[in-house]
Amino acid sequence: MRPIDPFLGEREAAIIQRSARATLAEHRVLCRTVVLDLRRVEGMSSMGLGLCISLRNEARELNADTIVYGLTPALRDQFRQLKLHKLFRLVPAEADLARHLAT
């Protein structure tokens, strides 16, 4: 999942949720890892955070890991303050992402 809007709010969360659910349903058998590519996201509302948690829970039902990739320093701090870093594998760089996906 790769949002293109710099702010992940209610409208964006609803659109992404529908798309992600369809994709997960389509690839249900093959899905081992869900990557939330947030490189372009600079801010996130509670709806955006809820979307991340919801996608993580849906991936978990498929026995898939969830990686959050490319958080800005401000969003990384927000994830840590809310203890969300305990739910996700936070991956800062592309090389790290490639390494996680290769395993």
PDB file of N, CA and C in Angstrom:
ATOM      1  N   MET A   1       0.838  -1.153   0.000  1.00  0.00           N
ATOM      2  CA  MET A   1       0.000   0.000   0.000  1.00  0.00           C
ATOM      3  C   MET A   1       0.891   1.227   0.000  1.00  0.00           C
ATOM      4  N   ARG A   2       0.615   2.159  -0.933  1.00  0.00           N
ATOM      5  CA  ARG A   2       1.436   3.353  -1.038  1.00  0.00           C
ATOM      6  C   ARG A   2       0.549   4.579  -1.258  1.00  0.00           C
ATOM      7  N   PRO A   3       0.179   5.275  -0.173  1.00  0.00           N
ATOM      8  CA  PRO A   3      -0.596   6.507  -0.354  1.00  0.00           C
ATOM      9  C   PRO A   3       0.246   7.562  -1.056  1.00  0.00           C
ATOM     10  N   ILE A   4      -0.398   8.390  -1.879  1.00  0.00           N
ATOM     11  CA  ILE A   4       0.335   9.440  -2.581  1.00  0.00           C
ATOM     12  C   ILE A   4       0.063  10.818  -2.005  1.00  0.00           C
ATOM     13  N   ASP A   5      -0.958  10.938  -1.187  1.00  0.00           N
ATOM     14  CA  ASP A   5      -1.292  12.214  -0.574  1.00  0.00           C
ATOM     15  C   ASP A   5      -0.379  12.438   0.633  1.00  0.00           C
ATOM     16  N   PRO A   6       0.092  13.673   0.866  1.00  0.00           N
ATOM     17  CA  PRO A   6       0.977  13.909   2.000  1.00  0.00           C
ATOM     18  C   PRO A   6       0.278  13.835   3.363  1.00  0.00           C
ATOM     19  N   PHE A   7      -1.057  13.838   3.382  1.00  0.00           N
ATOM     20  CA  PHE A   7      -1.782  13.703   4.643  1.00  0.00           C
ATOM     21  C   PHE A   7      -2.742  12.532   4.538  1.00  0.00           C
ATOM     22  N   LEU A   8      -2.653  11.639   5.481  1.00  0.00           N
ATOM     23  CA  LEU A   8      -3.505  10.450   5.501  1.00  0.00           C
ATOM     24  C   LEU A   8      -4.613  10.683   6.514  1.00  0.00           C
ATOM     25  N   GLY A   9      -5.771  11.103   5.990  1.00  0.00           N
ATOM     26  CA  GLY A   9      -6.916  11.420   6.828  1.00  0.00           C
ATOM     27  C   GLY A   9      -8.090  10.502   6.557  1.00  0.00           C
ATOM     28  N   GLU A  10      -9.272  10.958   6.920  1.00  0.00           N
ATOM     29  CA  GLU A  10     -10.478  10.134   6.833  1.00  0.00           C
ATOM     30  C   GLU A  10     -10.788   9.717   5.398  1.00  0.00           C
ATOM     31  N   ARG A  11     -10.761  10.670   4.473  1.00  0.00           N
ATOM     32  CA  ARG A  11     -11.098  10.361   3.079  1.00  0.00           C
ATOM     33  C   ARG A  11     -10.097   9.372   2.486  1.00  0.00           C
ATOM     34  N   GLU A  12      -8.825   9.653   2.684  1.00  0.00           N
ATOM     35  CA  GLU A  12      -7.782   8.781   2.132  1.00  0.00           C
ATOM     36  C   GLU A  12      -7.825   7.396   2.771  1.00  0.00           C
ATOM     37  N   ALA A  13      -8.065   7.349   4.080  1.00  0.00           N
ATOM     38  CA  ALA A  13      -8.105   6.065   4.788  1.00  0.00           C
ATOM     39  C   ALA A  13      -9.206   5.164   4.235  1.00  0.00           C
ATOM     40  N   ALA A  14     -10.371   5.749   3.965  1.00  0.00           N
ATOM     41  CA  ALA A  14     -11.490   4.948   3.441  1.00  0.00           C
ATOM     42  C   ALA A  14     -11.161   4.391   2.060  1.00  0.00           C
ATOM     43  N   ILE A  15     -10.557   5.195   1.217  1.00  0.00           N
ATOM     44  CA  ILE A  15     -10.198   4.751  -0.139  1.00  0.00           C
ATOM     45  C   ILE A  15      -9.148   3.639  -0.075  1.00  0.00           C
ATOM     46  N   ILE A  16      -8.131   3.853   0.729  1.00  0.00           N
ATOM     47  CA  ILE A  16      -7.053   2.872   0.844  1.00  0.00           C
ATOM     48  C   ILE A  16      -7.565   1.572   1.455  1.00  0.00           C
ATOM     49  N   GLN A  17      -8.441   1.692   2.445  1.00  0.00           N
ATOM     50  CA  GLN A  17      -8.998   0.500   3.114  1.00  0.00           C
ATOM     51  C   GLN A  17      -9.712  -0.397   2.104  1.00  0.00           C
ATOM     52  N   ARG A  18     -10.561   0.209   1.264  1.00  0.00           N
ATOM     53  CA  ARG A  18     -11.287  -0.591   0.255  1.00  0.00           C
ATOM     54  C   ARG A  18     -10.322  -1.265  -0.708  1.00  0.00           C
ATOM     55  N   SER A  19      -9.354  -0.519  -1.182  1.00  0.00           N
ATOM     56  CA  SER A  19      -8.390  -1.059  -2.132  1.00  0.00           C
ATOM     57  C   SER A  19      -7.540  -2.164  -1.503  1.00  0.00           C
ATOM     58  N   ALA A  20      -7.074  -1.927  -0.293  1.00  0.00           N
ATOM     59  CA  ALA A  20      -6.225  -2.908   0.383  1.00  0.00           C
ATOM     60  C   ALA A  20      -6.985  -4.189   0.687  1.00  0.00           C
ATOM     61  N   ARG A  21      -8.239  -4.056   1.115  1.00  0.00           N
ATOM     62  CA  ARG A  21      -9.043  -5.263   1.395  1.00  0.00           C
ATOM     63  C   ARG A  21      -9.216  -6.102   0.138  1.00  0.00           C
ATOM     64  N   ALA A  22      -9.470  -5.435  -0.983  1.00  0.00           N
ATOM     65  CA  ALA A  22      -9.634  -6.160  -2.240  1.00  0.00           C
ATOM     66  C   ALA A  22      -8.335  -6.870  -2.619  1.00  0.00           C
ATOM     67  N   THR A  23      -7.227  -6.186  -2.457  1.00  0.00           N
ATOM     68  CA  THR A  23      -5.930  -6.776  -2.792  1.00  0.00           C
ATOM     69  C   THR A  23      -5.612  -7.952  -1.883  1.00  0.00           C
ATOM     70  N   LEU A  24      -5.852  -7.796  -0.583  1.00  0.00           N
ATOM     71  CA  LEU A  24      -5.599  -8.900   0.355  1.00  0.00           C
ATOM     72  C   LEU A  24      -6.491 -10.099   0.056  1.00  0.00           C
ATOM     73  N   ALA A  25      -7.734  -9.848  -0.287  1.00  0.00           N
ATOM     74  CA  ALA A  25      -8.649 -10.944  -0.620  1.00  0.00           C
ATOM     75  C   ALA A  25      -8.187 -11.673  -1.879  1.00  0.00           C
ATOM     76  N   GLU A  26      -7.704 -10.912  -2.847  1.00  0.00           N
ATOM     77  CA  GLU A  26      -7.252 -11.496  -4.113  1.00  0.00           C
ATOM     78  C   GLU A  26      -5.992 -12.341  -3.930  1.00  0.00           C
ATOM     79  N   HIS A  27      -5.106 -11.903  -3.045  1.00  0.00           N
ATOM     80  CA  HIS A  27      -3.815 -12.582  -2.866  1.00  0.00           C
ATOM     81  C   HIS A  27      -3.720 -13.302  -1.522  1.00  0.00           C
ATOM     82  N   ARG A  28      -4.832 -13.648  -0.980  1.00  0.00           N
ATOM     83  CA  ARG A  28      -4.955 -14.234   0.354  1.00  0.00           C
ATOM     84  C   ARG A  28      -4.009 -15.419   0.572  1.00  0.00           C
ATOM     85  N   VAL A  29      -3.902 -16.295  -0.382  1.00  0.00           N
ATOM     86  CA  VAL A  29      -3.085 -17.504  -0.225  1.00  0.00           C
ATOM     87  C   VAL A  29      -1.595 -17.179  -0.303  1.00  0.00           C
ATOM     88  N   LEU A  30      -1.224 -16.237  -1.138  1.00  0.00           N
ATOM     89  CA  LEU A  30       0.184 -15.936  -1.374  1.00  0.00           C
ATOM     90  C   LEU A  30       0.760 -14.877  -0.442  1.00  0.00           C
ATOM     91  N   CYS A  31      -0.066 -14.175   0.277  1.00  0.00           N
ATOM     92  CA  CYS A  31       0.373 -13.029   1.069  1.00  0.00           C
ATOM     93  C   CYS A  31       1.181 -13.462   2.285  1.00  0.00           C
ATOM     94  N   ARG A  32       2.447 -13.035   2.327  1.00  0.00           N
ATOM     95  CA  ARG A  32       3.302 -13.300   3.486  1.00  0.00           C
ATOM     96  C   ARG A  32       3.681 -12.018   4.213  1.00  0.00           C
ATOM     97  N   THR A  33       3.714 -10.909   3.464  1.00  0.00           N
ATOM     98  CA  THR A  33       4.107  -9.623   4.049  1.00  0.00           C
ATOM     99  C   THR A  33       3.287  -8.512   3.424  1.00  0.00           C
ATOM    100  N   VAL A  34       2.792  -7.615   4.268  1.00  0.00           N
ATOM    101  CA  VAL A  34       2.106  -6.406   3.810  1.00  0.00           C
ATOM    102  C   VAL A  34       3.036  -5.242   4.116  1.00  0.00           C
ATOM    103  N   VAL A  35       3.338  -4.446   3.087  1.00  0.00           N
ATOM    104  CA  VAL A  35       4.213  -3.291   3.259  1.00  0.00           C
ATOM    105  C   VAL A  35       3.376  -2.023   3.136  1.00  0.00           C
ATOM    106  N   LEU A  36       3.420  -1.214   4.186  1.00  0.00           N
ATOM    107  CA  LEU A  36       2.778   0.101   4.158  1.00  0.00           C
ATOM    108  C   LEU A  36       3.882   1.104   3.831  1.00  0.00           C
ATOM    109  N   ASP A  37       3.920   1.545   2.591  1.00  0.00           N
ATOM    110  CA  ASP A  37       4.950   2.469   2.110  1.00  0.00           C
ATOM    111  C   ASP A  37       4.471   3.891   2.384  1.00  0.00           C
ATOM    112  N   LEU A  38       5.012   4.502   3.423  1.00  0.00           N
ATOM    113  CA  LEU A  38       4.557   5.820   3.849  1.00  0.00           C
ATOM    114  C   LEU A  38       5.588   6.916   3.565  1.00  0.00           C
ATOM    115  N   ARG A  39       6.445   6.701   2.581  1.00  0.00           N
ATOM    116  CA  ARG A  39       7.477   7.692   2.260  1.00  0.00           C
ATOM    117  C   ARG A  39       6.906   9.055   1.893  1.00  0.00           C
ATOM    118  N   ARG A  40       5.755   9.089   1.264  1.00  0.00           N
ATOM    119  CA  ARG A  40       5.172  10.362   0.818  1.00  0.00           C
ATOM    120  C   ARG A  40       4.251  11.000   1.857  1.00  0.00           C
ATOM    121  N   VAL A  41       3.998  10.297   2.943  1.00  0.00           N
ATOM    122  CA  VAL A  41       3.059  10.782   3.959  1.00  0.00           C
ATOM    123  C   VAL A  41       3.811  11.619   4.992  1.00  0.00           C
ATOM    124  N   GLU A  42       3.343  12.855   5.175  1.00  0.00           N
ATOM    125  CA  GLU A  42       3.969  13.770   6.124  1.00  0.00           C
ATOM    126  C   GLU A  42       3.155  13.918   7.407  1.00  0.00           C
ATOM    127  N   GLY A  43       1.862  13.618   7.329  1.00  0.00           N
ATOM    128  CA  GLY A  43       1.000  13.743   8.492  1.00  0.00           C
ATOM    129  C   GLY A  43      -0.102  12.711   8.440  1.00  0.00           C
ATOM    130  N   MET A  44      -0.643  12.389   9.624  1.00  0.00           N
ATOM    131  CA  MET A  44      -1.634  11.334   9.691  1.00  0.00           C
ATOM    132  C   MET A  44      -2.624  11.651  10.813  1.00  0.00           C
ATOM    133  N   SER A  45      -3.911  11.532  10.499  1.00  0.00           N
ATOM    134  CA  SER A  45      -4.944  11.713  11.521  1.00  0.00           C
ATOM    135  C   SER A  45      -5.144  10.400  12.264  1.00  0.00           C
ATOM    136  N   SER A  46      -6.031  10.420  13.239  1.00  0.00           N
ATOM    137  CA  SER A  46      -6.343   9.190  13.954  1.00  0.00           C
ATOM    138  C   SER A  46      -6.945   8.153  13.005  1.00  0.00           C
ATOM    139  N   MET A  47      -7.653   8.610  11.964  1.00  0.00           N
ATOM    140  CA  MET A  47      -8.207   7.676  10.969  1.00  0.00           C
ATOM    141  C   MET A  47      -7.083   6.995  10.191  1.00  0.00           C
ATOM    142  N   GLY A  48      -6.040   7.727   9.876  1.00  0.00           N
ATOM    143  CA  GLY A  48      -4.889   7.152   9.191  1.00  0.00           C
ATOM    144  C   GLY A  48      -4.180   6.131  10.059  1.00  0.00           C
ATOM    145  N   LEU A  49      -4.017   6.475  11.334  1.00  0.00           N
ATOM    146  CA  LEU A  49      -3.405   5.525  12.271  1.00  0.00           C
ATOM    147  C   LEU A  49      -4.274   4.285  12.419  1.00  0.00           C
ATOM    148  N   GLY A  50      -5.592   4.498  12.489  1.00  0.00           N
ATOM    149  CA  GLY A  50      -6.521   3.376  12.581  1.00  0.00           C
ATOM    150  C   GLY A  50      -6.446   2.483  11.358  1.00  0.00           C
ATOM    151  N   LEU A  51      -6.263   3.091  10.187  1.00  0.00           N
ATOM    152  CA  LEU A  51      -6.105   2.321   8.960  1.00  0.00           C
ATOM    153  C   LEU A  51      -4.883   1.410   9.059  1.00  0.00           C
ATOM    154  N   CYS A  52      -3.777   1.954   9.521  1.00  0.00           N
ATOM    155  CA  CYS A  52      -2.557   1.145   9.656  1.00  0.00           C
ATOM    156  C   CYS A  52      -2.799  -0.049  10.579  1.00  0.00           C
ATOM    157  N   ILE A  53      -3.461   0.196  11.688  1.00  0.00           N
ATOM    158  CA  ILE A  53      -3.742  -0.882  12.640  1.00  0.00           C
ATOM    159  C   ILE A  53      -4.703  -1.899  12.036  1.00  0.00           C
ATOM    160  N   SER A  54      -5.709  -1.423  11.340  1.00  0.00           N
ATOM    161  CA  SER A  54      -6.679  -2.315  10.708  1.00  0.00           C
ATOM    162  C   SER A  54      -6.004  -3.206   9.660  1.00  0.00           C
ATOM    163  N   LEU A  55      -5.143  -2.617   8.833  1.00  0.00           N
ATOM    164  CA  LEU A  55      -4.446  -3.406   7.820  1.00  0.00           C
ATOM    165  C   LEU A  55      -3.512  -4.423   8.473  1.00  0.00           C
ATOM    166  N   ARG A  56      -2.892  -4.035   9.569  1.00  0.00           N
ATOM    167  CA  ARG A  56      -2.025  -4.957  10.306  1.00  0.00           C
ATOM    168  C   ARG A  56      -2.838  -6.136  10.829  1.00  0.00           C
ATOM    169  N   ASN A  57      -4.027  -5.857  11.364  1.00  0.00           N
ATOM    170  CA  ASN A  57      -4.877  -6.919  11.897  1.00  0.00           C
ATOM    171  C   ASN A  57      -5.359  -7.852  10.789  1.00  0.00           C
ATOM    172  N   GLU A  58      -5.712  -7.285   9.638  1.00  0.00           N
ATOM    173  CA  GLU A  58      -6.143  -8.120   8.509  1.00  0.00           C
ATOM    174  C   GLU A  58      -4.995  -8.976   7.998  1.00  0.00           C
ATOM    175  N   ALA A  59      -3.797  -8.409   7.943  1.00  0.00           N
ATOM    176  CA  ALA A  59      -2.627  -9.179   7.517  1.00  0.00           C
ATOM    177  C   ALA A  59      -2.345 -10.304   8.508  1.00  0.00           C
ATOM    178  N   ARG A  60      -2.491 -10.006   9.769  1.00  0.00           N
ATOM    179  CA  ARG A  60      -2.238 -11.007  10.808  1.00  0.00           C
ATOM    180  C   ARG A  60      -3.186 -12.194  10.673  1.00  0.00           C
ATOM    181  N   GLU A  61      -4.441 -11.936  10.287  1.00  0.00           N
ATOM    182  CA  GLU A  61      -5.395 -13.018  10.059  1.00  0.00           C
ATOM    183  C   GLU A  61      -4.935 -13.950   8.948  1.00  0.00           C
ATOM    184  N   LEU A  62      -4.113 -13.423   8.033  1.00  0.00           N
ATOM    185  CA  LEU A  62      -3.565 -14.230   6.942  1.00  0.00           C
ATOM    186  C   LEU A  62      -2.189 -14.792   7.286  1.00  0.00           C
ATOM    187  N   ASN A  63      -1.783 -14.621   8.548  1.00  0.00           N
ATOM    188  CA  ASN A  63      -0.445 -15.020   8.990  1.00  0.00           C
ATOM    189  C   ASN A  63       0.652 -14.284   8.237  1.00  0.00           C
ATOM    190  N   ALA A  64       0.384 -13.033   7.893  1.00  0.00           N
ATOM    191  CA  ALA A  64       1.350 -12.202   7.177  1.00  0.00           C
ATOM    192  C   ALA A  64       1.924 -11.152   8.128  1.00  0.00           C
ATOM    193  N   ASP A  65       3.190 -10.822   7.921  1.00  0.00           N
ATOM    194  CA  ASP A  65       3.836  -9.753   8.668  1.00  0.00           C
ATOM    195  C   ASP A  65       3.433  -8.408   8.071  1.00  0.00           C
ATOM    196  N   THR A  66       3.585  -7.359   8.858  1.00  0.00           N
ATOM    197  CA  THR A  66       3.319  -6.007   8.372  1.00  0.00           C
ATOM    198  C   THR A  66       4.546  -5.147   8.614  1.00  0.00           C
ATOM    199  N   ILE A  67       5.009  -4.514   7.550  1.00  0.00           N
ATOM    200  CA  ILE A  67       6.156  -3.618   7.612  1.00  0.00           C
ATOM    201  C   ILE A  67       5.679  -2.212   7.290  1.00  0.00           C
ATOM    202  N   VAL A  68       6.099  -1.251   8.112  1.00  0.00           N
ATOM    203  CA  VAL A  68       5.855   0.162   7.810  1.00  0.00           C
ATOM    204  C   VAL A  68       7.185   0.724   7.331  1.00  0.00           C
ATOM    205  N   TYR A  69       7.169   1.215   6.114  1.00  0.00           N
ATOM    206  CA  TYR A  69       8.395   1.645   5.445  1.00  0.00           C
ATOM    207  C   TYR A  69       8.367   3.144   5.172  1.00  0.00           C
ATOM    208  N   GLY A  70       9.473   3.804   5.473  1.00  0.00           N
ATOM    209  CA  GLY A  70       9.670   5.181   5.043  1.00  0.00           C
ATOM    210  C   GLY A  70       9.001   6.250   5.883  1.00  0.00           C
ATOM    211  N   LEU A  71       8.813   6.024   7.173  1.00  0.00           N
ATOM    212  CA  LEU A  71       8.210   7.050   8.014  1.00  0.00           C
ATOM    213  C   LEU A  71       9.123   8.267   8.124  1.00  0.00           C
ATOM    214  N   THR A  72       8.522   9.436   8.107  1.00  0.00           N
ATOM    215  CA  THR A  72       9.283  10.656   8.385  1.00  0.00           C
ATOM    216  C   THR A  72       9.670  10.622   9.862  1.00  0.00           C
ATOM    217  N   PRO A  73      10.666  11.402  10.259  1.00  0.00           N
ATOM    218  CA  PRO A  73      11.021  11.438  11.685  1.00  0.00           C
ATOM    219  C   PRO A  73       9.834  11.813  12.580  1.00  0.00           C
ATOM    220  N   ALA A  74       8.995  12.745  12.143  1.00  0.00           N
ATOM    221  CA  ALA A  74       7.840  13.154  12.949  1.00  0.00           C
ATOM    222  C   ALA A  74       6.835  12.008  13.101  1.00  0.00           C
ATOM    223  N   LEU A  75       6.567  11.282  12.013  1.00  0.00           N
ATOM    224  CA  LEU A  75       5.636  10.155  12.100  1.00  0.00           C
ATOM    225  C   LEU A  75       6.230   9.005  12.904  1.00  0.00           C
ATOM    226  N   ARG A  76       7.529   8.807  12.770  1.00  0.00           N
ATOM    227  CA  ARG A  76       8.184   7.758  13.571  1.00  0.00           C
ATOM    228  C   ARG A  76       8.040   8.081  15.063  1.00  0.00           C
ATOM    229  N   ASP A  77       8.216   9.358  15.418  1.00  0.00           N
ATOM    230  CA  ASP A  77       8.018   9.774  16.813  1.00  0.00           C
ATOM    231  C   ASP A  77       6.578   9.551  17.254  1.00  0.00           C
ATOM    232  N   GLN A  78       5.628   9.867  16.367  1.00  0.00           N
ATOM    233  CA  GLN A  78       4.211   9.660  16.688  1.00  0.00           C
ATOM    234  C   GLN A  78       3.929   8.175  16.920  1.00  0.00           C
ATOM    235  N   PHE A  79       4.448   7.316  16.075  1.00  0.00           N
ATOM    236  CA  PHE A  79       4.273   5.871  16.244  1.00  0.00           C
ATOM    237  C   PHE A  79       4.857   5.415  17.576  1.00  0.00           C
ATOM    238  N   ARG A  80       6.020   5.940  17.925  1.00  0.00           N
ATOM    239  CA  ARG A  80       6.659   5.544  19.192  1.00  0.00           C
ATOM    240  C   ARG A  80       5.884   6.065  20.395  1.00  0.00           C
ATOM    241  N   GLN A  81       5.416   7.295  20.332  1.00  0.00           N
ATOM    242  CA  GLN A  81       4.650   7.864  21.448  1.00  0.00           C
ATOM    243  C   GLN A  81       3.378   7.067  21.697  1.00  0.00           C
ATOM    244  N   LEU A  82       2.770   6.608  20.630  1.00  0.00           N
ATOM    245  CA  LEU A  82       1.528   5.830  20.747  1.00  0.00           C
ATOM    246  C   LEU A  82       1.787   4.331  20.910  1.00  0.00           C
ATOM    247  N   LYS A  83       3.061   3.961  21.005  1.00  0.00           N
ATOM    248  CA  LYS A  83       3.482   2.557  21.175  1.00  0.00           C
ATOM    249  C   LYS A  83       3.127   1.689  19.972  1.00  0.00           C
ATOM    250  N   LEU A  84       2.902   2.312  18.825  1.00  0.00           N
ATOM    251  CA  LEU A  84       2.571   1.545  17.622  1.00  0.00           C
ATOM    252  C   LEU A  84       3.787   0.826  17.052  1.00  0.00           C
ATOM    253  N   HIS A  85       4.966   1.270  17.425  1.00  0.00           N
ATOM    254  CA  HIS A  85       6.178   0.590  16.953  1.00  0.00           C
ATOM    255  C   HIS A  85       6.238  -0.853  17.449  1.00  0.00           C
ATOM    256  N   LYS A  86       5.443  -1.178  18.464  1.00  0.00           N
ATOM    257  CA  LYS A  86       5.396  -2.551  18.971  1.00  0.00           C
ATOM    258  C   LYS A  86       4.527  -3.455  18.095  1.00  0.00           C
ATOM    259  N   LEU A  87       3.654  -2.845  17.281  1.00  0.00           N
ATOM    260  CA  LEU A  87       2.763  -3.615  16.408  1.00  0.00           C
ATOM    261  C   LEU A  87       3.357  -3.874  15.027  1.00  0.00           C
ATOM    262  N   PHE A  88       4.275  -3.023  14.624  1.00  0.00           N
ATOM    263  CA  PHE A  88       4.798  -3.064  13.264  1.00  0.00           C
ATOM    264  C   PHE A  88       6.308  -3.213  13.275  1.00  0.00           C
ATOM    265  N   ARG A  89       6.812  -3.711  12.187  1.00  0.00           N
ATOM    266  CA  ARG A  89       8.251  -3.654  11.948  1.00  0.00           C
ATOM    267  C   ARG A  89       8.487  -2.344  11.179  1.00  0.00           C
ATOM    268  N   LEU A  90       9.183  -1.406  11.799  1.00  0.00           N
ATOM    269  CA  LEU A  90       9.459  -0.115  11.164  1.00  0.00           C
ATOM    270  C   LEU A  90      10.771  -0.226  10.405  1.00  0.00           C
ATOM    271  N   VAL A  91      10.716   0.059   9.110  1.00  0.00           N
ATOM    272  CA  VAL A  91      11.884  -0.074   8.248  1.00  0.00           C
ATOM    273  C   VAL A  91      12.161   1.285   7.611  1.00  0.00           C
ATOM    274  N   PRO A  92      13.324   1.878   7.920  1.00  0.00           N
ATOM    275  CA  PRO A  92      13.588   3.239   7.447  1.00  0.00           C
ATOM    276  C   PRO A  92      14.112   3.343   6.007  1.00  0.00           C
ATOM    277  N   ALA A  93      14.886   2.372   5.553  1.00  0.00           N
ATOM    278  CA  ALA A  93      15.579   2.521   4.264  1.00  0.00           C
ATOM    279  C   ALA A  93      15.218   1.391   3.301  1.00  0.00           C
ATOM    280  N   GLU A  94      15.378   1.690   2.020  1.00  0.00           N
ATOM    281  CA  GLU A  94      15.045   0.715   0.979  1.00  0.00           C
ATOM    282  C   GLU A  94      15.873  -0.564   1.081  1.00  0.00           C
ATOM    283  N   ALA A  95      17.158  -0.414   1.433  1.00  0.00           N
ATOM    284  CA  ALA A  95      18.018  -1.604   1.569  1.00  0.00           C
ATOM    285  C   ALA A  95      17.500  -2.496   2.700  1.00  0.00           C
ATOM    286  N   ASP A  96      17.050  -1.878   3.795  1.00  0.00           N
ATOM    287  CA  ASP A  96      16.492  -2.646   4.912  1.00  0.00           C
ATOM    288  C   ASP A  96      15.213  -3.362   4.483  1.00  0.00           C
ATOM    289  N   LEU A  97      14.386  -2.674   3.704  1.00  0.00           N
ATOM    290  CA  LEU A  97      13.149  -3.281   3.216  1.00  0.00           C
ATOM    291  C   LEU A  97      13.454  -4.496   2.346  1.00  0.00           C
ATOM    292  N   ALA A  98      14.401  -4.342   1.438  1.00  0.00           N
ATOM    293  CA  ALA A  98      14.781  -5.458   0.562  1.00  0.00           C
ATOM    294  C   ALA A  98      15.270  -6.648   1.375  1.00  0.00           C
ATOM    295  N   ARG A  99      16.031  -6.375   2.409  1.00  0.00           N
ATOM    296  CA  ARG A  99      16.548  -7.452   3.263  1.00  0.00           C
ATOM    297  C   ARG A  99      15.399  -8.165   3.992  1.00  0.00           C
ATOM    298  N   HIS A 100      14.440  -7.409   4.507  1.00  0.00           N
ATOM    299  CA  HIS A 100      13.307  -8.015   5.210  1.00  0.00           C
ATOM    300  C   HIS A 100      12.434  -8.840   4.262  1.00  0.00           C
ATOM    301  N   LEU A 101      12.270  -8.353   3.039  1.00  0.00           N
ATOM    302  CA  LEU A 101      11.434  -9.067   2.079  1.00  0.00           C
ATOM    303  C   LEU A 101      12.113 -10.315   1.541  1.00  0.00           C
ATOM    304  N   ALA A 102      13.425 -10.346   1.583  1.00  0.00           N
ATOM    305  CA  ALA A 102      14.175 -11.500   1.070  1.00  0.00           C
ATOM    306  C   ALA A 102      14.141 -12.680   2.037  1.00  0.00           C
ATOM    307  N   THR A 103      13.824 -12.424   3.293  1.00  0.00           N
ATOM    308  CA  THR A 103      13.834 -13.520   4.273  1.00  0.00           C
ATOM    309  C   THR A 103      12.514 -14.243   4.313  1.00  0.00           C
TER     310      THR A 103
END
